PDB file of N, CA and C in Angstrom:
ATOM      1  N   MET A   1      26.687  -0.514  -8.800  1.00  0.00           N
ATOM      2  CA  MET A   1      26.857  -0.053  -7.466  1.00  0.00           C
ATOM      3  C   MET A   1      25.768  -0.566  -6.548  1.00  0.00           C
ATOM      4  N   PRO A   2      26.011  -1.304  -5.513  1.00  0.00           N
ATOM      5  CA  PRO A   2      24.962  -1.926  -4.602  1.00  0.00           C
ATOM      6  C   PRO A   2      24.242  -0.834  -3.839  1.00  0.00           C
ATOM      7  N   THR A   3      22.907  -1.170  -3.632  1.00  0.00           N
ATOM      8  CA  THR A   3      22.081  -0.287  -2.896  1.00  0.00           C
ATOM      9  C   THR A   3      22.388  -0.546  -1.382  1.00  0.00           C
ATOM     10  N   GLY A   4      21.564   0.053  -0.470  1.00  0.00           N
ATOM     11  CA  GLY A   4      21.713  -0.190   0.924  1.00  0.00           C
ATOM     12  C   GLY A   4      21.488  -1.556   1.300  1.00  0.00           C
ATOM     13  N   TRP A   5      20.480  -2.269   0.760  1.00  0.00           N
ATOM     14  CA  TRP A   5      20.323  -3.694   1.001  1.00  0.00           C
ATOM     15  C   TRP A   5      21.448  -4.471   0.510  1.00  0.00           C
ATOM     16  N   GLY A   6      21.897  -4.147  -0.797  1.00  0.00           N
ATOM     17  CA  GLY A   6      23.037  -4.886  -1.278  1.00  0.00           C
ATOM     18  C   GLY A   6      24.322  -4.757  -0.386  1.00  0.00           C
ATOM     19  N   MET A   7      24.494  -3.606   0.126  1.00  0.00           N
ATOM     20  CA  MET A   7      25.689  -3.371   0.924  1.00  0.00           C
ATOM     21  C   MET A   7      25.635  -4.300   2.221  1.00  0.00           C
ATOM     22  N   LEU A   8      24.315  -4.252   2.766  1.00  0.00           N
ATOM     23  CA  LEU A   8      24.123  -5.136   3.997  1.00  0.00           C
ATOM     24  C   LEU A   8      24.254  -6.643   3.681  1.00  0.00           C
ATOM     25  N   MET A   9      23.861  -7.067   2.641  1.00  0.00           N
ATOM     26  CA  MET A   9      24.062  -8.432   2.195  1.00  0.00           C
ATOM     27  C   MET A   9      25.537  -8.846   1.987  1.00  0.00           C
ATOM     28  N   ILE A  10      26.340  -7.884   1.404  1.00  0.00           N
ATOM     29  CA  ILE A  10      27.736  -8.059   1.246  1.00  0.00           C
ATOM     30  C   ILE A  10      28.426  -8.006   2.628  1.00  0.00           C
ATOM     31  N   ALA A  11      27.983  -7.142   3.543  1.00  0.00           N
ATOM     32  CA  ALA A  11      28.519  -7.090   4.933  1.00  0.00           C
ATOM     33  C   ALA A  11      28.245  -8.328   5.684  1.00  0.00           C
ATOM     34  N   GLN A  12      27.038  -8.940   5.493  1.00  0.00           N
ATOM     35  CA  GLN A  12      26.743 -10.118   6.119  1.00  0.00           C
ATOM     36  C   GLN A  12      27.542 -11.300   5.692  1.00  0.00           C
ATOM     37  N   ALA A  13      27.851 -11.304   4.321  1.00  0.00           N
ATOM     38  CA  ALA A  13      28.611 -12.323   3.796  1.00  0.00           C
ATOM     39  C   ALA A  13      30.096 -12.255   4.287  1.00  0.00           C
ATOM     40  N   LEU A  14      30.569 -11.066   4.507  1.00  0.00           N
ATOM     41  CA  LEU A  14      31.952 -10.862   5.017  1.00  0.00           C
ATOM     42  C   LEU A  14      31.946 -10.548   6.566  1.00  0.00           C
ATOM     43  N   LYS A  15      30.906 -11.022   7.264  1.00  0.00           N
ATOM     44  CA  LYS A  15      30.724 -10.713   8.703  1.00  0.00           C
ATOM     45  C   LYS A  15      31.980 -11.220   9.515  1.00  0.00           C
ATOM     46  N   PRO A  16      32.518 -12.409   9.309  1.00  0.00           N
ATOM     47  CA  PRO A  16      33.639 -12.789  10.130  1.00  0.00           C
ATOM     48  C   PRO A  16      34.792 -11.869  10.059  1.00  0.00           C
ATOM     49  N   TRP A  17      35.117 -11.444   8.814  1.00  0.00           N
ATOM     50  CA  TRP A  17      36.312 -10.452   8.669  1.00  0.00           C
ATOM     51  C   TRP A  17      35.985  -9.051   9.220  1.00  0.00           C
ATOM     52  N   ILE A  18      34.732  -8.695   9.001  1.00  0.00           N
ATOM     53  CA  ILE A  18      34.294  -7.342   9.497  1.00  0.00           C
ATOM     54  C   ILE A  18      34.340  -7.375  10.985  1.00  0.00           C
ATOM     55  N   ARG A  19      33.889  -8.407  11.568  1.00  0.00           N
ATOM     56  CA  ARG A  19      33.981  -8.497  13.086  1.00  0.00           C
ATOM     57  C   ARG A  19      35.422  -8.418  13.602  1.00  0.00           C
ATOM     58  N   ARG A  20      36.275  -9.201  12.919  1.00  0.00           N
ATOM     59  CA  ARG A  20      37.689  -9.154  13.366  1.00  0.00           C
ATOM     60  C   ARG A  20      38.265  -7.735  13.215  1.00  0.00           C
ATOM     61  N   GLY A  21      37.816  -6.988  12.179  1.00  0.00           N
ATOM     62  CA  GLY A  21      38.297  -5.645  11.984  1.00  0.00           C
ATOM     63  C   GLY A  21      37.655  -4.647  12.987  1.00  0.00           C
ATOM     64  N   GLY A  22      36.712  -5.023  13.643  1.00  0.00           N
ATOM     65  CA  GLY A  22      35.882  -4.215  14.605  1.00  0.00           C
ATOM     66  C   GLY A  22      34.936  -3.260  13.983  1.00  0.00           C
ATOM     67  N   PHE A  23      34.463  -3.551  12.819  1.00  0.00           N
ATOM     68  CA  PHE A  23      33.530  -2.609  12.121  1.00  0.00           C
ATOM     69  C   PHE A  23      32.168  -3.007  12.099  1.00  0.00           C
ATOM     70  N   TRP A  24      31.829  -4.125  12.787  1.00  0.00           N
ATOM     71  CA  TRP A  24      30.469  -4.735  12.722  1.00  0.00           C
ATOM     72  C   TRP A  24      29.418  -3.888  13.297  1.00  0.00           C
ATOM     73  N   GLY A  25      29.769  -3.178  14.427  1.00  0.00           N
ATOM     74  CA  GLY A  25      28.915  -2.172  15.110  1.00  0.00           C
ATOM     75  C   GLY A  25      28.558  -0.941  14.116  1.00  0.00           C
ATOM     76  N   SER A  26      29.494  -0.622  13.391  1.00  0.00           N
ATOM     77  CA  SER A  26      29.374   0.537  12.381  1.00  0.00           C
ATOM     78  C   SER A  26      28.478   0.089  11.301  1.00  0.00           C
ATOM     79  N   VAL A  27      28.641  -1.129  10.809  1.00  0.00           N
ATOM     80  CA  VAL A  27      27.856  -1.583   9.722  1.00  0.00           C
ATOM     81  C   VAL A  27      26.358  -1.774  10.204  1.00  0.00           C
ATOM     82  N   ARG A  28      26.166  -2.249  11.366  1.00  0.00           N
ATOM     83  CA  ARG A  28      24.740  -2.344  11.948  1.00  0.00           C
ATOM     84  C   ARG A  28      24.177  -1.011  12.073  1.00  0.00           C
ATOM     85  N   THR A  29      24.917   0.013  12.572  1.00  0.00           N
ATOM     86  CA  THR A  29      24.332   1.366  12.696  1.00  0.00           C
ATOM     87  C   THR A  29      24.022   1.992  11.355  1.00  0.00           C
ATOM     88  N   LEU A  30      24.870   1.755  10.316  1.00  0.00           N
ATOM     89  CA  LEU A  30      24.616   2.219   9.037  1.00  0.00           C
ATOM     90  C   LEU A  30      23.342   1.489   8.424  1.00  0.00           C
ATOM     91  N   ALA A  31      23.244   0.241   8.694  1.00  0.00           N
ATOM     92  CA  ALA A  31      21.955  -0.489   8.184  1.00  0.00           C
ATOM     93  C   ALA A  31      20.756   0.012   8.749  1.00  0.00           C
ATOM     94  N   ARG A  32      20.799   0.317  10.066  1.00  0.00           N
ATOM     95  CA  ARG A  32      19.622   0.820  10.780  1.00  0.00           C
ATOM     96  C   ARG A  32      19.272   2.213  10.335  1.00  0.00           C
ATOM     97  N   GLY A  33      20.318   3.043  10.136  1.00  0.00           N
ATOM     98  CA  GLY A  33      20.112   4.387   9.510  1.00  0.00           C
ATOM     99  C   GLY A  33      19.397   4.357   8.160  1.00  0.00           C
ATOM    100  N   TYR A  34      19.907   3.495   7.352  1.00  0.00           N
ATOM    101  CA  TYR A  34      19.325   3.266   5.973  1.00  0.00           C
ATOM    102  C   TYR A  34      17.937   2.931   6.047  1.00  0.00           C
ATOM    103  N   GLU A  35      17.507   1.874   6.911  1.00  0.00           N
ATOM    104  CA  GLU A  35      16.238   1.558   7.127  1.00  0.00           C
ATOM    105  C   GLU A  35      15.297   2.711   7.514  1.00  0.00           C
ATOM    106  N   ILE A  36      15.777   3.494   8.512  1.00  0.00           N
ATOM    107  CA  ILE A  36      14.985   4.592   8.967  1.00  0.00           C
ATOM    108  C   ILE A  36      14.820   5.669   7.846  1.00  0.00           C
ATOM    109  N   ILE A  37      15.824   5.889   7.126  1.00  0.00           N
ATOM    110  CA  ILE A  37      15.673   7.024   6.098  1.00  0.00           C
ATOM    111  C   ILE A  37      14.777   6.478   4.928  1.00  0.00           C
ATOM    112  N   MET A  38      14.925   5.225   4.547  1.00  0.00           N
ATOM    113  CA  MET A  38      14.104   4.713   3.496  1.00  0.00           C
ATOM    114  C   MET A  38      12.632   4.602   3.863  1.00  0.00           C
ATOM    115  N   GLY A  39      12.353   4.223   5.181  1.00  0.00           N
ATOM    116  CA  GLY A  39      11.109   4.200   5.698  1.00  0.00           C
ATOM    117  C   GLY A  39      10.442   5.529   5.693  1.00  0.00           C
ATOM    118  N   LEU A  40      11.236   6.535   6.064  1.00  0.00           N
ATOM    119  CA  LEU A  40      10.616   7.914   6.074  1.00  0.00           C
ATOM    120  C   LEU A  40      10.331   8.423   4.632  1.00  0.00           C
ATOM    121  N   LEU A  41      11.210   8.054   3.714  1.00  0.00           N
ATOM    122  CA  LEU A  41      11.052   8.624   2.360  1.00  0.00           C
ATOM    123  C   LEU A  41       9.917   7.913   1.606  1.00  0.00           C
ATOM    124  N   LEU A  42       9.644   6.626   2.057  1.00  0.00           N
ATOM    125  CA  LEU A  42       8.604   5.907   1.381  1.00  0.00           C
ATOM    126  C   LEU A  42       7.230   6.066   2.056  1.00  0.00           C
ATOM    127  N   PHE A  43       7.146   6.133   3.321  1.00  0.00           N
ATOM    128  CA  PHE A  43       5.934   6.138   4.074  1.00  0.00           C
ATOM    129  C   PHE A  43       5.388   7.464   4.479  1.00  0.00           C
ATOM    130  N   THR A  44       6.232   8.518   4.566  1.00  0.00           N
ATOM    131  CA  THR A  44       5.846   9.829   4.893  1.00  0.00           C
ATOM    132  C   THR A  44       4.778  10.447   3.755  1.00  0.00           C
ATOM    133  N   PRO A  45       5.026  10.285   2.621  1.00  0.00           N
ATOM    134  CA  PRO A  45       4.028  10.783   1.579  1.00  0.00           C
ATOM    135  C   PRO A  45       2.701   9.976   1.579  1.00  0.00           C
ATOM    136  N   ILE A  46       2.859   8.704   1.847  1.00  0.00           N
ATOM    137  CA  ILE A  46       1.673   7.830   1.944  1.00  0.00           C
ATOM    138  C   ILE A  46       0.846   8.238   3.111  1.00  0.00           C
ATOM    139  N   ALA A  47       1.481   8.493   4.301  1.00  0.00           N
ATOM    140  CA  ALA A  47       0.687   8.881   5.486  1.00  0.00           C
ATOM    141  C   ALA A  47       0.138  10.273   5.306  1.00  0.00           C
ATOM    142  N   PHE A  48       0.844  11.175   4.631  1.00  0.00           N
ATOM    143  CA  PHE A  48       0.296  12.470   4.372  1.00  0.00           C
ATOM    144  C   PHE A  48      -0.912  12.491   3.463  1.00  0.00           C
ATOM    145  N   LEU A  49      -0.793  11.735   2.370  1.00  0.00           N
ATOM    146  CA  LEU A  49      -1.985  11.653   1.472  1.00  0.00           C
ATOM    147  C   LEU A  49      -3.172  10.908   2.101  1.00  0.00           C
ATOM    148  N   ALA A  50      -2.935  10.065   3.088  1.00  0.00           N
ATOM    149  CA  ALA A  50      -4.039   9.326   3.689  1.00  0.00           C
ATOM    150  C   ALA A  50      -4.958  10.244   4.491  1.00  0.00           C
ATOM    151  N   TRP A  51      -4.542  11.354   4.848  1.00  0.00           N
ATOM    152  CA  TRP A  51      -5.405  12.390   5.536  1.00  0.00           C
ATOM    153  C   TRP A  51      -6.480  13.026   4.720  1.00  0.00           C
ATOM    154  N   PHE A  52      -6.273  13.022   3.405  1.00  0.00           N
ATOM    155  CA  PHE A  52      -7.075  13.672   2.535  1.00  0.00           C
ATOM    156  C   PHE A  52      -8.277  12.722   2.002  1.00  0.00           C
ATOM    157  N   PRO A  53      -9.518  13.142   2.064  1.00  0.00           N
ATOM    158  CA  PRO A  53     -10.661  12.410   1.728  1.00  0.00           C
ATOM    159  C   PRO A  53     -10.656  11.950   0.192  1.00  0.00           C
ATOM    160  N   PHE A  54     -10.094  12.722  -0.633  1.00  0.00           N
ATOM    161  CA  PHE A  54     -10.225  12.323  -2.042  1.00  0.00           C
ATOM    162  C   PHE A  54      -9.393  11.121  -2.342  1.00  0.00           C
ATOM    163  N   VAL A  55      -8.367  10.833  -1.494  1.00  0.00           N
ATOM    164  CA  VAL A  55      -7.562   9.679  -1.763  1.00  0.00           C
ATOM    165  C   VAL A  55      -8.306   8.446  -1.442  1.00  0.00           C
ATOM    166  N   SER A  56      -9.181   8.504  -0.336  1.00  0.00           N
ATOM    167  CA  SER A  56     -10.025   7.353  -0.051  1.00  0.00           C
ATOM    168  C   SER A  56     -10.952   7.055  -1.164  1.00  0.00           C
ATOM    169  N   GLU A  57     -11.578   8.087  -1.733  1.00  0.00           N
ATOM    170  CA  GLU A  57     -12.543   7.908  -2.867  1.00  0.00           C
ATOM    171  C   GLU A  57     -11.733   7.382  -4.067  1.00  0.00           C
ATOM    172  N   PHE A  58     -10.513   7.806  -4.283  1.00  0.00           N
ATOM    173  CA  PHE A  58      -9.825   7.293  -5.429  1.00  0.00           C
ATOM    174  C   PHE A  58      -9.456   5.779  -5.290  1.00  0.00           C
ATOM    175  N   GLN A  59      -9.054   5.406  -4.007  1.00  0.00           N
ATOM    176  CA  GLN A  59      -8.842   4.072  -3.692  1.00  0.00           C
ATOM    177  C   GLN A  59     -10.038   3.154  -3.943  1.00  0.00           C
ATOM    178  N   THR A  60     -11.199   3.649  -3.474  1.00  0.00           N
ATOM    179  CA  THR A  60     -12.391   2.867  -3.663  1.00  0.00           C
ATOM    180  C   THR A  60     -12.733   2.703  -5.207  1.00  0.00           C
ATOM    181  N   ARG A  61     -12.493   3.753  -5.854  1.00  0.00           N
ATOM    182  CA  ARG A  61     -12.794   3.726  -7.305  1.00  0.00           C
ATOM    183  C   ARG A  61     -11.798   2.699  -8.006  1.00  0.00           C
ATOM    184  N   MET A  62     -10.507   2.728  -7.584  1.00  0.00           N
ATOM    185  CA  MET A  62      -9.500   1.811  -8.157  1.00  0.00           C
ATOM    186  C   MET A  62      -9.875   0.332  -7.784  1.00  0.00           C
ATOM    187  N   LEU A  63     -10.254   0.100  -6.581  1.00  0.00           N
ATOM    188  CA  LEU A  63     -10.532  -1.316  -6.160  1.00  0.00           C
ATOM    189  C   LEU A  63     -11.769  -1.848  -6.813  1.00  0.00           C
ATOM    190  N   PHE A  64     -12.837  -1.048  -6.870  1.00  0.00           N
ATOM    191  CA  PHE A  64     -14.078  -1.504  -7.393  1.00  0.00           C
ATOM    192  C   PHE A  64     -14.450  -0.973  -8.801  1.00  0.00           C
ATOM    193  N   ASN A  65     -13.414  -0.803  -9.573  1.00  0.00           N
ATOM    194  CA  ASN A  65     -13.597  -0.184 -10.943  1.00  0.00           C
ATOM    195  C   ASN A  65     -14.544  -1.014 -11.742  1.00  0.00           C
ATOM    196  N   GLN A  66     -14.515  -2.297 -11.673  1.00  0.00           N
ATOM    197  CA  GLN A  66     -15.318  -3.073 -12.554  1.00  0.00           C
ATOM    198  C   GLN A  66     -16.836  -2.931 -12.096  1.00  0.00           C
ATOM    199  N   ALA A  67     -16.988  -2.970 -10.713  1.00  0.00           N
ATOM    200  CA  ALA A  67     -18.360  -2.729 -10.279  1.00  0.00           C
ATOM    201  C   ALA A  67     -18.927  -1.393 -10.641  1.00  0.00           C
ATOM    202  N   PHE A  68     -18.033  -0.386 -10.555  1.00  0.00           N
ATOM    203  CA  PHE A  68     -18.533   0.959 -11.021  1.00  0.00           C
ATOM    204  C   PHE A  68     -18.906   0.955 -12.536  1.00  0.00           C
ATOM    205  N   SER A  69     -18.074   0.300 -13.295  1.00  0.00           N
ATOM    206  CA  SER A  69     -18.335   0.336 -14.722  1.00  0.00           C
ATOM    207  C   SER A  69     -19.565  -0.493 -15.128  1.00  0.00           C
ATOM    208  N   ARG A  70     -19.990  -1.375 -14.276  1.00  0.00           N
ATOM    209  CA  ARG A  70     -21.178  -2.135 -14.521  1.00  0.00           C
ATOM    210  C   ARG A  70     -22.413  -1.428 -13.980  1.00  0.00           C
ATOM    211  N   GLY A  71     -22.256  -0.392 -13.379  1.00  0.00           N
ATOM    212  CA  GLY A  71     -23.374   0.363 -12.798  1.00  0.00           C
ATOM    213  C   GLY A  71     -23.824  -0.166 -11.438  1.00  0.00           C
ATOM    214  N   LEU A  72     -22.944  -0.745 -10.711  1.00  0.00           N
ATOM    215  CA  LEU A  72     -23.255  -1.246  -9.375  1.00  0.00           C
ATOM    216  C   LEU A  72     -24.555  -2.092  -9.349  1.00  0.00           C
ATOM    217  N   GLN A  73     -24.453  -3.232 -10.010  1.00  0.00           N
ATOM    218  CA  GLN A  73     -25.587  -4.184 -10.123  1.00  0.00           C
ATOM    219  C   GLN A  73     -26.013  -4.676  -8.732  1.00  0.00           C
ATOM    220  N   ILE A  74     -25.047  -4.618  -7.720  1.00  0.00           N
ATOM    221  CA  ILE A  74     -25.392  -5.026  -6.421  1.00  0.00           C
ATOM    222  C   ILE A  74     -26.575  -4.233  -5.788  1.00  0.00           C
ATOM    223  N   SER A  75     -26.794  -2.964  -6.161  1.00  0.00           N
ATOM    224  CA  SER A  75     -27.866  -2.185  -5.656  1.00  0.00           C
ATOM    225  C   SER A  75     -29.184  -2.725  -6.011  1.00  0.00           C
ATOM    226  N   ARG A  76     -29.321  -3.430  -7.168  1.00  0.00           N
ATOM    227  CA  ARG A  76     -30.569  -4.081  -7.598  1.00  0.00           C
ATOM    228  C   ARG A  76     -30.823  -5.268  -6.683  1.00  0.00           C
ATOM    229  N   ILE A  77     -29.705  -6.060  -6.351  1.00  0.00           N
ATOM    230  CA  ILE A  77     -29.941  -7.229  -5.537  1.00  0.00           C
ATOM    231  C   ILE A  77     -30.346  -6.881  -4.160  1.00  0.00           C
ATOM    232  N   LEU A  78     -29.662  -5.884  -3.631  1.00  0.00           N
ATOM    233  CA  LEU A  78     -30.003  -5.418  -2.248  1.00  0.00           C
ATOM    234  C   LEU A  78     -31.400  -4.751  -2.183  1.00  0.00           C
ATOM    235  N   GLY A  79     -31.794  -4.044  -3.243  1.00  0.00           N
ATOM    236  CA  GLY A  79     -33.054  -3.318  -3.211  1.00  0.00           C
ATOM    237  C   GLY A  79     -34.262  -4.241  -3.286  1.00  0.00           C
ATOM    238  N   GLY A  80     -34.120  -5.437  -3.657  1.00  0.00           N
ATOM    239  CA  GLY A  80     -35.230  -6.369  -3.732  1.00  0.00           C
ATOM    240  C   GLY A  80     -35.933  -6.191  -5.031  1.00  0.00           C
ATOM    241  N   PRO A  81     -37.129  -7.014  -5.193  1.00  0.00           N
ATOM    242  CA  PRO A  81     -37.811  -6.981  -6.429  1.00  0.00           C
ATOM    243  C   PRO A  81     -38.651  -5.661  -6.537  1.00  0.00           C
ATOM    244  N   LYS A  82     -38.691  -5.091  -7.757  1.00  0.00           N
ATOM    245  CA  LYS A  82     -39.457  -3.912  -7.971  1.00  0.00           C
ATOM    246  C   LYS A  82     -40.903  -4.347  -8.281  1.00  0.00           C
ATOM    247  N   LYS A  83     -41.769  -3.437  -7.772  1.00  0.00           N
ATOM    248  CA  LYS A  83     -43.199  -3.678  -7.960  1.00  0.00           C
ATOM    249  C   LYS A  83     -43.569  -3.000  -9.307  1.00  0.00           C
ATOM    250  N   ASP A  84     -44.302  -3.586 -10.089  1.00  0.00           N
ATOM    251  CA  ASP A  84     -44.741  -3.096 -11.335  1.00  0.00           C
ATOM    252  C   ASP A  84     -45.880  -2.085 -11.091  1.00  0.00           C
ATOM    253  N   ARG A  85     -45.707  -0.808 -11.218  1.00  0.00           N
ATOM    254  CA  ARG A  85     -46.643   0.186 -10.918  1.00  0.00           C
ATOM    255  C   ARG A  85     -47.590   0.411 -12.042  1.00  0.00           C
ATOM    256  N   SER A  86     -47.164   0.116 -13.242  1.00  0.00           N
ATOM    257  CA  SER A  86     -47.970   0.345 -14.416  1.00  0.00           C
ATOM    258  C   SER A  86     -49.198  -0.598 -14.451  1.00  0.00           C
ATOM    259  N   SER A  87     -48.996  -1.863 -14.012  1.00  0.00           N
ATOM    260  CA  SER A  87     -50.126  -2.755 -13.972  1.00  0.00           C
ATOM    261  C   SER A  87     -51.019  -2.489 -12.885  1.00  0.00           C
ATOM    262  N   SER A  88     -50.619  -1.952 -11.745  1.00  0.00           N
ATOM    263  CA  SER A  88     -51.531  -1.564 -10.650  1.00  0.00           C
ATOM    264  C   SER A  88     -52.406  -0.380 -11.090  1.00  0.00           C
ATOM    265  N   ASN A  89     -51.907   0.422 -11.867  1.00  0.00           N
ATOM    266  CA  ASN A  89     -52.759   1.673 -12.256  1.00  0.00           C
ATOM    267  C   ASN A  89     -53.949   1.313 -13.298  1.00  0.00           C
ATOM    268  N   LYS A  90     -53.690   0.124 -14.063  1.00  0.00           N
ATOM    269  CA  LYS A  90     -54.739  -0.166 -14.960  1.00  0.00           C
ATOM    270  C   LYS A  90     -55.897  -0.901 -14.266  1.00  0.00           C
ATOM    271  N   GLU A  91     -55.756  -1.412 -13.027  1.00  0.00           N
ATOM    272  CA  GLU A  91     -56.868  -2.083 -12.517  1.00  0.00           C
ATOM    273  C   GLU A  91     -57.841  -1.185 -11.809  1.00  0.00           C
TER     274      GLU A  91
END
């Protein structure tokens, strides 16, 4: 059974006959309705979850998982060279 996109593709393939039958306006209206409903079903939960701060932290953790597992080596690079305090105490 074709999905909404499949039905639209079939309708476009049969467009000359559908136009002659006078149903092209109905097909376009159904296609737009399908787009709106699918958009709401897919993006409403994403937009809702985007408001919560833990989702942002989870995304950051997923994107930079390798860096987190290495202990964020970049902090050493940005921190500059460490001064050896043990040798200064001996003098």
